[in-house]
Every structure is written in structure tokens, then in C-alpha cells.
Amino acid sequence: MAPAPARRRNPRGQGGQLRDEIVTAARELLIENGTDSAVTLRAIARKVGIAPPSIYAHFDTPDQVVEAVVTETRSLLVRQLETARAGAEGARERLLADCHAYLVFGAEQPELYALLFSRPRPKGSSTTEERVDQAVRQLAPIVGEPIASQLAPAEAFSILLRDVADAMHDGTSRAEDALGTATALWAALHGIILLRARIPRFPWPPPGPLEDEMITRLALLEGPAPN
């Protein structure tokens, strides 16, 4: 394999650009190989076009680079859910929108999605204290503060839980337990993403009707399933 072309040195004050390029290279290696074992300092350096020691200005180990990819992926998933639900009117529609956004993310980014659940959240998570505190305030009326404090860093699940609670509040869901219903939905969404990805030869029905039926049944949503 031909070596990567030498990378031009960043101007002074733009070291953050190199960090971003390192994380991008690690993400590409993960997607290409389907495993974080492919993320080595040498492989990253080759992709970016730098000498491996240059990485040490930003990361000490390949594991730290992978954790940066995980953090970036979590943020991307949350943004996708928030974007989907922002255009929906009503709690029922928001819940359906973020469930479908979750499914789309898993289908379009299977390697990165799997990575989210292959590693425990590290201590000192990048989720800021301010965002955690805000999530706790939103979740505490639903599940109580002790549980809210445990759930707040899991931002994607927090969105799902809030939307289940809102649908219960406005009567579009007949569910009686917001946390239990959100957990069942999350487990079902996770399961169908992994099953479709890992057993592609199974005669799956086209995406859409199966997922709609699953969501409306588990969330006990009133009204017809969306077309």
C-alpha cells in the first residue's frame, strides 16, 4: 500500500483541526473494518498523513481516540432525534418521529451504532454538567430525581422517555408507566436494528409497517398507525 501523502502542518492556533482529522480517520477505520481493533495509531497516522507521534498532542492511546468517536456518535444520534421531532406537532407525532429517527440512524450507521453499545460510558463523560442538570430537571417529574440522575447522561433515551410521558399526559398514549414503556420501546428499536443488520437474509418486510406496528402497540398509542 502506498503511503499517505504528507500532511501540511496546521497554522499556529489550528491544532484543533488535527484533532478533528484524527477522530475522522478513526471513524472511517471503524466503518471500513467493523471493529475498533482496526484503530491503531499507525493506521490513523497513515490515513491523516502524519507521523504517529503527532497524535500524542491530542490522544495518548487508540482507546482514547475510539472514545472520542463514541462521544461524537452519541451527539450525532441526539441531533438526529431532535431534528426529527422538532418538525412534529403533538406528543404522539414527536414520539413516532424520534423512534423512526432512531431506526434510520441505526440502519444508516450500523457500525457506529453498534459501537455505542460495545463500550460502557467512561467516567468523566463529555456530557456537560449543565446539560445533565437540565435533563435531570426535565426527567425528575416523570421518574423522580434519583432515577433521573441515572438516566440524564443517556440523552437519546431521555428524549424517548420525555416523549412517552408527554403522550401519556395528553391522552394519545394509554400507557401507565412512562419508564417501563420507554424502556420496552428502546429495547424493541435496538433489537430490530441489530436483527436487520446481522440477519440480512431473513425475509424481512420492507421498513415501515413492521416498525409502525411495533411502536404503536408498545407505546399504546391511540389512533391509526401512520401511513
C-alpha atoms as a PDB file:
ATOM      1  CA  MET A   1       0.000   0.000   0.000  1.00  0.00           C
ATOM      2  CA  ALA A   2       1.382   3.392  -0.939  1.00  0.00           C
ATOM      3  CA  PRO A   3       1.993   5.717   1.998  1.00  0.00           C
ATOM      4  CA  ALA A   4      -0.467   8.557   2.512  1.00  0.00           C
ATOM      5  CA  PRO A   5       0.732  11.901   1.189  1.00  0.00           C
ATOM      6  CA  ALA A   6       2.461  14.042   3.763  1.00  0.00           C
ATOM      7  CA  ARG A   7       0.034  16.352   5.504  1.00  0.00           C
ATOM      8  CA  ARG A   8       0.708  20.060   5.531  1.00  0.00           C
ATOM      9  CA  ARG A   9       1.329  21.420   9.019  1.00  0.00           C
ATOM     10  CA  ASN A  10      -1.562  23.320  10.568  1.00  0.00           C
ATOM     11  CA  PRO A  11      -1.038  27.056  11.009  1.00  0.00           C
ATOM     12  CA  ARG A  12      -0.361  28.130  14.584  1.00  0.00           C
ATOM     13  CA  GLY A  13      -3.538  28.034  16.652  1.00  0.00           C
ATOM     14  CA  GLN A  14      -5.281  25.423  14.482  1.00  0.00           C
ATOM     15  CA  GLY A  15      -4.215  22.306  16.352  1.00  0.00           C
ATOM     16  CA  GLY A  16      -7.905  21.505  16.903  1.00  0.00           C
ATOM     17  CA  GLN A  17      -8.150  20.814  13.181  1.00  0.00           C
ATOM     18  CA  LEU A  18      -5.650  17.978  13.514  1.00  0.00           C
ATOM     19  CA  ARG A  19      -7.641  16.522  16.413  1.00  0.00           C
ATOM     20  CA  ASP A  20     -10.772  16.535  14.250  1.00  0.00           C
ATOM     21  CA  GLU A  21      -8.873  14.840  11.415  1.00  0.00           C
ATOM     22  CA  ILE A  22      -7.635  12.143  13.804  1.00  0.00           C
ATOM     23  CA  VAL A  23     -11.175  11.435  15.025  1.00  0.00           C
ATOM     24  CA  THR A  24     -12.492  11.405  11.459  1.00  0.00           C
ATOM     25  CA  ALA A  25      -9.795   8.933  10.410  1.00  0.00           C
ATOM     26  CA  ALA A  26     -10.645   6.672  13.361  1.00  0.00           C
ATOM     27  CA  ARG A  27     -14.334   6.799  12.479  1.00  0.00           C
ATOM     28  CA  GLU A  28     -13.549   5.826   8.879  1.00  0.00           C
ATOM     29  CA  LEU A  29     -11.396   2.919  10.070  1.00  0.00           C
ATOM     30  CA  LEU A  30     -14.228   1.701  12.281  1.00  0.00           C
ATOM     31  CA  ILE A  31     -16.744   1.853   9.444  1.00  0.00           C
ATOM     32  CA  GLU A  32     -14.397   0.214   6.948  1.00  0.00           C
ATOM     33  CA  ASN A  33     -13.378  -2.643   9.237  1.00  0.00           C
ATOM     34  CA  GLY A  34     -16.378  -3.035  11.523  1.00  0.00           C
ATOM     35  CA  THR A  35     -14.201  -3.271  14.642  1.00  0.00           C
ATOM     36  CA  ASP A  36     -12.347  -0.869  16.892  1.00  0.00           C
ATOM     37  CA  SER A  37      -9.315  -3.173  16.821  1.00  0.00           C
ATOM     38  CA  ALA A  38      -8.529  -1.594  13.440  1.00  0.00           C
ATOM     39  CA  VAL A  39      -7.995   1.759  15.135  1.00  0.00           C
ATOM     40  CA  THR A  40      -4.268   1.905  15.796  1.00  0.00           C
ATOM     41  CA  LEU A  41      -2.086   4.970  15.972  1.00  0.00           C
ATOM     42  CA  ARG A  42      -0.178   3.791  12.926  1.00  0.00           C
ATOM     43  CA  ALA A  43      -3.379   3.277  10.888  1.00  0.00           C
ATOM     44  CA  ILE A  44      -4.729   6.669  11.939  1.00  0.00           C
ATOM     45  CA  ALA A  45      -1.461   8.382  11.095  1.00  0.00           C
ATOM     46  CA  ARG A  46      -1.392   6.751   7.686  1.00  0.00           C
ATOM     47  CA  LYS A  47      -4.916   7.979   6.914  1.00  0.00           C
ATOM     48  CA  VAL A  48      -4.244  11.525   8.085  1.00  0.00           C
ATOM     49  CA  GLY A  49      -0.784  11.714   6.544  1.00  0.00           C
ATOM     50  CA  ILE A  50       1.160  12.418   9.716  1.00  0.00           C
ATOM     51  CA  ALA A  51       3.767  10.670  11.829  1.00  0.00           C
ATOM     52  CA  PRO A  52       2.239   8.569  14.648  1.00  0.00           C
ATOM     53  CA  PRO A  53       3.913  10.642  17.410  1.00  0.00           C
ATOM     54  CA  SER A  54       1.937  13.690  16.236  1.00  0.00           C
ATOM     55  CA  ILE A  55      -1.196  12.074  17.647  1.00  0.00           C
ATOM     56  CA  TYR A  56       0.149  12.286  21.197  1.00  0.00           C
ATOM     57  CA  ALA A  57      -0.534  16.014  21.299  1.00  0.00           C
ATOM     58  CA  HIS A  58      -4.236  15.128  21.409  1.00  0.00           C
ATOM     59  CA  PHE A  59      -4.579  11.468  22.459  1.00  0.00           C
ATOM     60  CA  ASP A  60      -2.415   9.132  24.494  1.00  0.00           C
ATOM     61  CA  THR A  61      -3.861   5.843  23.253  1.00  0.00           C
ATOM     62  CA  PRO A  62      -6.014   4.441  20.430  1.00  0.00           C
ATOM     63  CA  ASP A  63      -8.686   3.741  23.049  1.00  0.00           C
ATOM     64  CA  GLN A  64      -8.985   7.463  23.732  1.00  0.00           C
ATOM     65  CA  VAL A  65      -9.497   8.123  20.031  1.00  0.00           C
ATOM     66  CA  VAL A  66     -12.243   5.494  19.882  1.00  0.00           C
ATOM     67  CA  GLU A  67     -13.936   7.095  22.891  1.00  0.00           C
ATOM     68  CA  ALA A  68     -13.878  10.401  21.029  1.00  0.00           C
ATOM     69  CA  VAL A  69     -15.658   8.688  18.125  1.00  0.00           C
ATOM     70  CA  VAL A  70     -18.224   7.244  20.550  1.00  0.00           C
ATOM     71  CA  THR A  71     -18.870  10.681  22.049  1.00  0.00           C
ATOM     72  CA  GLU A  72     -19.226  12.215  18.598  1.00  0.00           C
ATOM     73  CA  THR A  73     -21.619   9.436  17.560  1.00  0.00           C
ATOM     74  CA  ARG A  74     -23.818   9.905  20.632  1.00  0.00           C
ATOM     75  CA  SER A  75     -24.075  13.610  19.858  1.00  0.00           C
ATOM     76  CA  LEU A  76     -24.922  12.874  16.228  1.00  0.00           C
ATOM     77  CA  LEU A  77     -27.715  10.488  17.261  1.00  0.00           C
ATOM     78  CA  VAL A  78     -29.179  13.042  19.661  1.00  0.00           C
ATOM     79  CA  ARG A  79     -29.104  15.762  17.000  1.00  0.00           C
ATOM     80  CA  GLN A  80     -30.866  13.439  14.552  1.00  0.00           C
ATOM     81  CA  LEU A  81     -33.636  12.720  17.066  1.00  0.00           C
ATOM     82  CA  GLU A  82     -34.030  16.373  17.973  1.00  0.00           C
ATOM     83  CA  THR A  83     -34.196  17.415  14.327  1.00  0.00           C
ATOM     84  CA  ALA A  84     -36.831  14.779  13.553  1.00  0.00           C
ATOM     85  CA  ARG A  85     -39.101  15.659  16.456  1.00  0.00           C
ATOM     86  CA  ALA A  86     -38.742  19.422  16.014  1.00  0.00           C
ATOM     87  CA  GLY A  87     -40.987  19.330  12.935  1.00  0.00           C
ATOM     88  CA  ALA A  88     -43.664  17.159  14.550  1.00  0.00           C
ATOM     89  CA  GLU A  89     -46.869  18.540  16.023  1.00  0.00           C
ATOM     90  CA  GLY A  90     -48.172  16.888  19.143  1.00  0.00           C
ATOM     91  CA  ALA A  91     -46.697  14.387  21.574  1.00  0.00           C
ATOM     92  CA  ARG A  92     -47.785  11.329  19.575  1.00  0.00           C
ATOM     93  CA  GLU A  93     -46.134  12.635  16.414  1.00  0.00           C
ATOM     94  CA  ARG A  94     -42.952  13.586  18.289  1.00  0.00           C
ATOM     95  CA  LEU A  95     -42.705  10.104  19.770  1.00  0.00           C
ATOM     96  CA  LEU A  96     -43.180   8.463  16.383  1.00  0.00           C
ATOM     97  CA  ALA A  97     -40.679  10.875  14.813  1.00  0.00           C
ATOM     98  CA  ASP A  98     -37.879  10.199  17.283  1.00  0.00           C
ATOM     99  CA  CYS A  99     -38.481   6.421  17.166  1.00  0.00           C
ATOM    100  CA  HIS A 100     -38.184   6.463  13.386  1.00  0.00           C
ATOM    101  CA  ALA A 101     -35.122   8.732  13.548  1.00  0.00           C
ATOM    102  CA  TYR A 102     -33.512   6.212  15.908  1.00  0.00           C
ATOM    103  CA  LEU A 103     -34.245   3.393  13.454  1.00  0.00           C
ATOM    104  CA  VAL A 104     -32.904   5.383  10.498  1.00  0.00           C
ATOM    105  CA  PHE A 105     -29.682   6.195  12.351  1.00  0.00           C
ATOM    106  CA  GLY A 106     -29.125   2.533  13.207  1.00  0.00           C
ATOM    107  CA  ALA A 107     -29.818   1.425   9.638  1.00  0.00           C
ATOM    108  CA  GLU A 108     -27.606   4.063   8.020  1.00  0.00           C
ATOM    109  CA  GLN A 109     -24.731   3.853  10.526  1.00  0.00           C
ATOM    110  CA  PRO A 110     -24.699   0.195  11.662  1.00  0.00           C
ATOM    111  CA  GLU A 111     -21.027   0.079  12.630  1.00  0.00           C
ATOM    112  CA  LEU A 112     -21.170   3.306  14.621  1.00  0.00           C
ATOM    113  CA  TYR A 113     -24.491   2.343  16.185  1.00  0.00           C
ATOM    114  CA  ALA A 114     -23.037  -0.977  17.337  1.00  0.00           C
ATOM    115  CA  LEU A 115     -20.028   0.866  18.748  1.00  0.00           C
ATOM    116  CA  LEU A 116     -22.298   2.868  21.074  1.00  0.00           C
ATOM    117  CA  PHE A 117     -23.275  -0.330  22.862  1.00  0.00           C
ATOM    118  CA  SER A 118     -19.947  -2.139  22.773  1.00  0.00           C
ATOM    119  CA  ARG A 119     -18.371   0.094  25.399  1.00  0.00           C
ATOM    120  CA  PRO A 120     -19.542   1.340  28.800  1.00  0.00           C
ATOM    121  CA  ARG A 121     -19.808   5.084  29.167  1.00  0.00           C
ATOM    122  CA  PRO A 122     -16.437   6.172  30.573  1.00  0.00           C
ATOM    123  CA  LYS A 123     -16.034   8.189  33.744  1.00  0.00           C
ATOM    124  CA  GLY A 124     -15.723  11.863  33.019  1.00  0.00           C
ATOM    125  CA  SER A 125     -18.153  11.675  30.103  1.00  0.00           C
ATOM    126  CA  SER A 126     -18.144  14.584  27.689  1.00  0.00           C
ATOM    127  CA  THR A 127     -21.790  15.267  28.547  1.00  0.00           C
ATOM    128  CA  THR A 128     -21.520  18.628  30.280  1.00  0.00           C
ATOM    129  CA  GLU A 129     -22.806  19.175  33.807  1.00  0.00           C
ATOM    130  CA  GLU A 130     -25.146  21.886  32.537  1.00  0.00           C
ATOM    131  CA  ARG A 131     -26.804  19.513  30.044  1.00  0.00           C
ATOM    132  CA  VAL A 132     -27.076  16.765  32.665  1.00  0.00           C
ATOM    133  CA  ASP A 133     -28.659  19.178  35.145  1.00  0.00           C
ATOM    134  CA  GLN A 134     -31.159  20.303  32.521  1.00  0.00           C
ATOM    135  CA  ALA A 135     -32.060  16.696  31.711  1.00  0.00           C
ATOM    136  CA  VAL A 136     -32.495  15.900  35.408  1.00  0.00           C
ATOM    137  CA  ARG A 137     -34.906  18.820  35.787  1.00  0.00           C
ATOM    138  CA  GLN A 138     -36.933  17.566  32.817  1.00  0.00           C
ATOM    139  CA  LEU A 139     -36.969  13.916  33.880  1.00  0.00           C
ATOM    140  CA  ALA A 140     -37.407  14.309  37.647  1.00  0.00           C
ATOM    141  CA  PRO A 141     -41.181  14.966  37.476  1.00  0.00           C
ATOM    142  CA  ILE A 142     -41.550  11.778  35.411  1.00  0.00           C
ATOM    143  CA  VAL A 143     -39.410   9.238  37.258  1.00  0.00           C
ATOM    144  CA  GLY A 144     -38.144  11.004  40.388  1.00  0.00           C
ATOM    145  CA  GLU A 145     -34.792  12.673  40.879  1.00  0.00           C
ATOM    146  CA  PRO A 146     -32.664   9.597  41.802  1.00  0.00           C
ATOM    147  CA  ILE A 147     -33.628   7.740  38.611  1.00  0.00           C
ATOM    148  CA  ALA A 148     -33.495  10.954  36.570  1.00  0.00           C
ATOM    149  CA  SER A 149     -29.885  11.453  37.669  1.00  0.00           C
ATOM    150  CA  GLN A 150     -29.010   7.981  36.375  1.00  0.00           C
ATOM    151  CA  LEU A 151     -30.808   8.461  33.049  1.00  0.00           C
ATOM    152  CA  ALA A 152     -29.799  12.051  32.246  1.00  0.00           C
ATOM    153  CA  PRO A 153     -26.441  11.235  30.571  1.00  0.00           C
ATOM    154  CA  ALA A 154     -28.248   8.848  28.190  1.00  0.00           C
ATOM    155  CA  GLU A 155     -29.586  11.722  26.135  1.00  0.00           C
ATOM    156  CA  ALA A 156     -31.232   9.706  23.358  1.00  0.00           C
ATOM    157  CA  PHE A 157     -33.182   7.619  25.863  1.00  0.00           C
ATOM    158  CA  SER A 158     -34.095  10.756  27.807  1.00  0.00           C
ATOM    159  CA  ILE A 159     -35.726  12.182  24.682  1.00  0.00           C
ATOM    160  CA  LEU A 160     -37.710   8.981  24.180  1.00  0.00           C
ATOM    161  CA  LEU A 161     -38.807   8.950  27.830  1.00  0.00           C
ATOM    162  CA  ARG A 162     -39.978  12.573  27.756  1.00  0.00           C
ATOM    163  CA  ASP A 163     -41.997  11.975  24.608  1.00  0.00           C
ATOM    164  CA  VAL A 164     -43.653   8.876  26.071  1.00  0.00           C
ATOM    165  CA  ALA A 165     -44.582  10.888  29.174  1.00  0.00           C
ATOM    166  CA  ASP A 166     -45.956  13.739  27.043  1.00  0.00           C
ATOM    167  CA  ALA A 167     -48.077  11.301  25.020  1.00  0.00           C
ATOM    168  CA  MET A 168     -49.446   9.842  28.259  1.00  0.00           C
ATOM    169  CA  HIS A 169     -50.181  13.322  29.573  1.00  0.00           C
ATOM    170  CA  ASP A 170     -52.177  14.431  26.535  1.00  0.00           C
ATOM    171  CA  GLY A 171     -54.036  11.129  26.267  1.00  0.00           C
ATOM    172  CA  THR A 172     -52.580   9.936  22.982  1.00  0.00           C
ATOM    173  CA  SER A 173     -50.931   7.023  24.817  1.00  0.00           C
ATOM    174  CA  ARG A 174     -52.795   4.677  27.169  1.00  0.00           C
ATOM    175  CA  ALA A 175     -49.544   3.651  28.855  1.00  0.00           C
ATOM    176  CA  GLU A 176     -49.401   3.948  32.644  1.00  0.00           C
ATOM    177  CA  ASP A 177     -45.668   3.609  33.262  1.00  0.00           C
ATOM    178  CA  ALA A 178     -43.510   6.057  31.304  1.00  0.00           C
ATOM    179  CA  LEU A 179     -40.164   4.495  32.208  1.00  0.00           C
ATOM    180  CA  GLY A 180     -41.342   0.944  31.573  1.00  0.00           C
ATOM    181  CA  THR A 181     -42.923   1.875  28.251  1.00  0.00           C
ATOM    182  CA  ALA A 182     -39.886   3.866  27.085  1.00  0.00           C
ATOM    183  CA  THR A 183     -37.595   1.001  28.087  1.00  0.00           C
ATOM    184  CA  ALA A 184     -39.694  -1.518  26.145  1.00  0.00           C
ATOM    185  CA  LEU A 185     -39.680   0.766  23.100  1.00  0.00           C
ATOM    186  CA  TRP A 186     -35.929   1.314  23.303  1.00  0.00           C
ATOM    187  CA  ALA A 187     -35.250  -2.414  23.647  1.00  0.00           C
ATOM    188  CA  ALA A 188     -37.503  -3.168  20.669  1.00  0.00           C
ATOM    189  CA  LEU A 189     -35.922  -0.468  18.491  1.00  0.00           C
ATOM    190  CA  HIS A 190     -32.451  -1.692  19.427  1.00  0.00           C
ATOM    191  CA  GLY A 191     -33.397  -5.277  18.714  1.00  0.00           C
ATOM    192  CA  ILE A 192     -34.836  -4.672  15.275  1.00  0.00           C
ATOM    193  CA  ILE A 193     -31.821  -2.561  14.249  1.00  0.00           C
ATOM    194  CA  LEU A 194     -29.407  -5.341  15.213  1.00  0.00           C
ATOM    195  CA  LEU A 195     -31.509  -8.139  13.769  1.00  0.00           C
ATOM    196  CA  ARG A 196     -31.925  -6.437  10.394  1.00  0.00           C
ATOM    197  CA  ALA A 197     -28.189  -5.725  10.278  1.00  0.00           C
ATOM    198  CA  ARG A 198     -26.994  -9.160  11.398  1.00  0.00           C
ATOM    199  CA  ILE A 199     -29.526 -11.414   9.673  1.00  0.00           C
ATOM    200  CA  PRO A 200     -29.982  -9.662   6.320  1.00  0.00           C
ATOM    201  CA  ARG A 201     -31.079 -12.860   4.547  1.00  0.00           C
ATOM    202  CA  PHE A 202     -34.156 -13.215   6.745  1.00  0.00           C
ATOM    203  CA  PRO A 203     -37.288 -12.335   4.713  1.00  0.00           C
ATOM    204  CA  TRP A 204     -37.838  -9.025   6.474  1.00  0.00           C
ATOM    205  CA  PRO A 205     -40.863  -6.979   5.433  1.00  0.00           C
ATOM    206  CA  PRO A 206     -39.973  -3.557   3.987  1.00  0.00           C
ATOM    207  CA  PRO A 207     -39.029  -0.977   6.618  1.00  0.00           C
ATOM    208  CA  GLY A 208     -42.042   0.952   7.808  1.00  0.00           C
ATOM    209  CA  PRO A 209     -45.175  -1.097   8.545  1.00  0.00           C
ATOM    210  CA  LEU A 210     -43.466  -3.540  10.925  1.00  0.00           C
ATOM    211  CA  GLU A 211     -41.814  -0.744  12.889  1.00  0.00           C
ATOM    212  CA  ASP A 212     -45.005   1.348  12.948  1.00  0.00           C
ATOM    213  CA  GLU A 213     -46.970  -1.580  14.356  1.00  0.00           C
ATOM    214  CA  MET A 214     -44.302  -2.275  16.958  1.00  0.00           C
ATOM    215  CA  ILE A 215     -44.148   1.346  18.128  1.00  0.00           C
ATOM    216  CA  THR A 216     -47.891   1.928  18.300  1.00  0.00           C
ATOM    217  CA  ARG A 217     -48.502  -1.337  20.163  1.00  0.00           C
ATOM    218  CA  LEU A 218     -45.709  -0.925  22.703  1.00  0.00           C
ATOM    219  CA  ALA A 219     -46.489   2.738  23.358  1.00  0.00           C
ATOM    220  CA  LEU A 220     -50.239   2.028  23.421  1.00  0.00           C
ATOM    221  CA  LEU A 221     -50.810   4.923  21.050  1.00  0.00           C
ATOM    222  CA  GLU A 222     -54.330   5.945  20.168  1.00  0.00           C
ATOM    223  CA  GLY A 223     -55.343   6.433  16.566  1.00  0.00           C
ATOM    224  CA  PRO A 224     -54.234   4.711  13.354  1.00  0.00           C
ATOM    225  CA  ALA A 225     -50.599   3.917  12.629  1.00  0.00           C
ATOM    226  CA  PRO A 226     -49.016   6.405  10.214  1.00  0.00           C
ATOM    227  CA  ASN A 227     -49.042   5.584   6.511  1.00  0.00           C
END
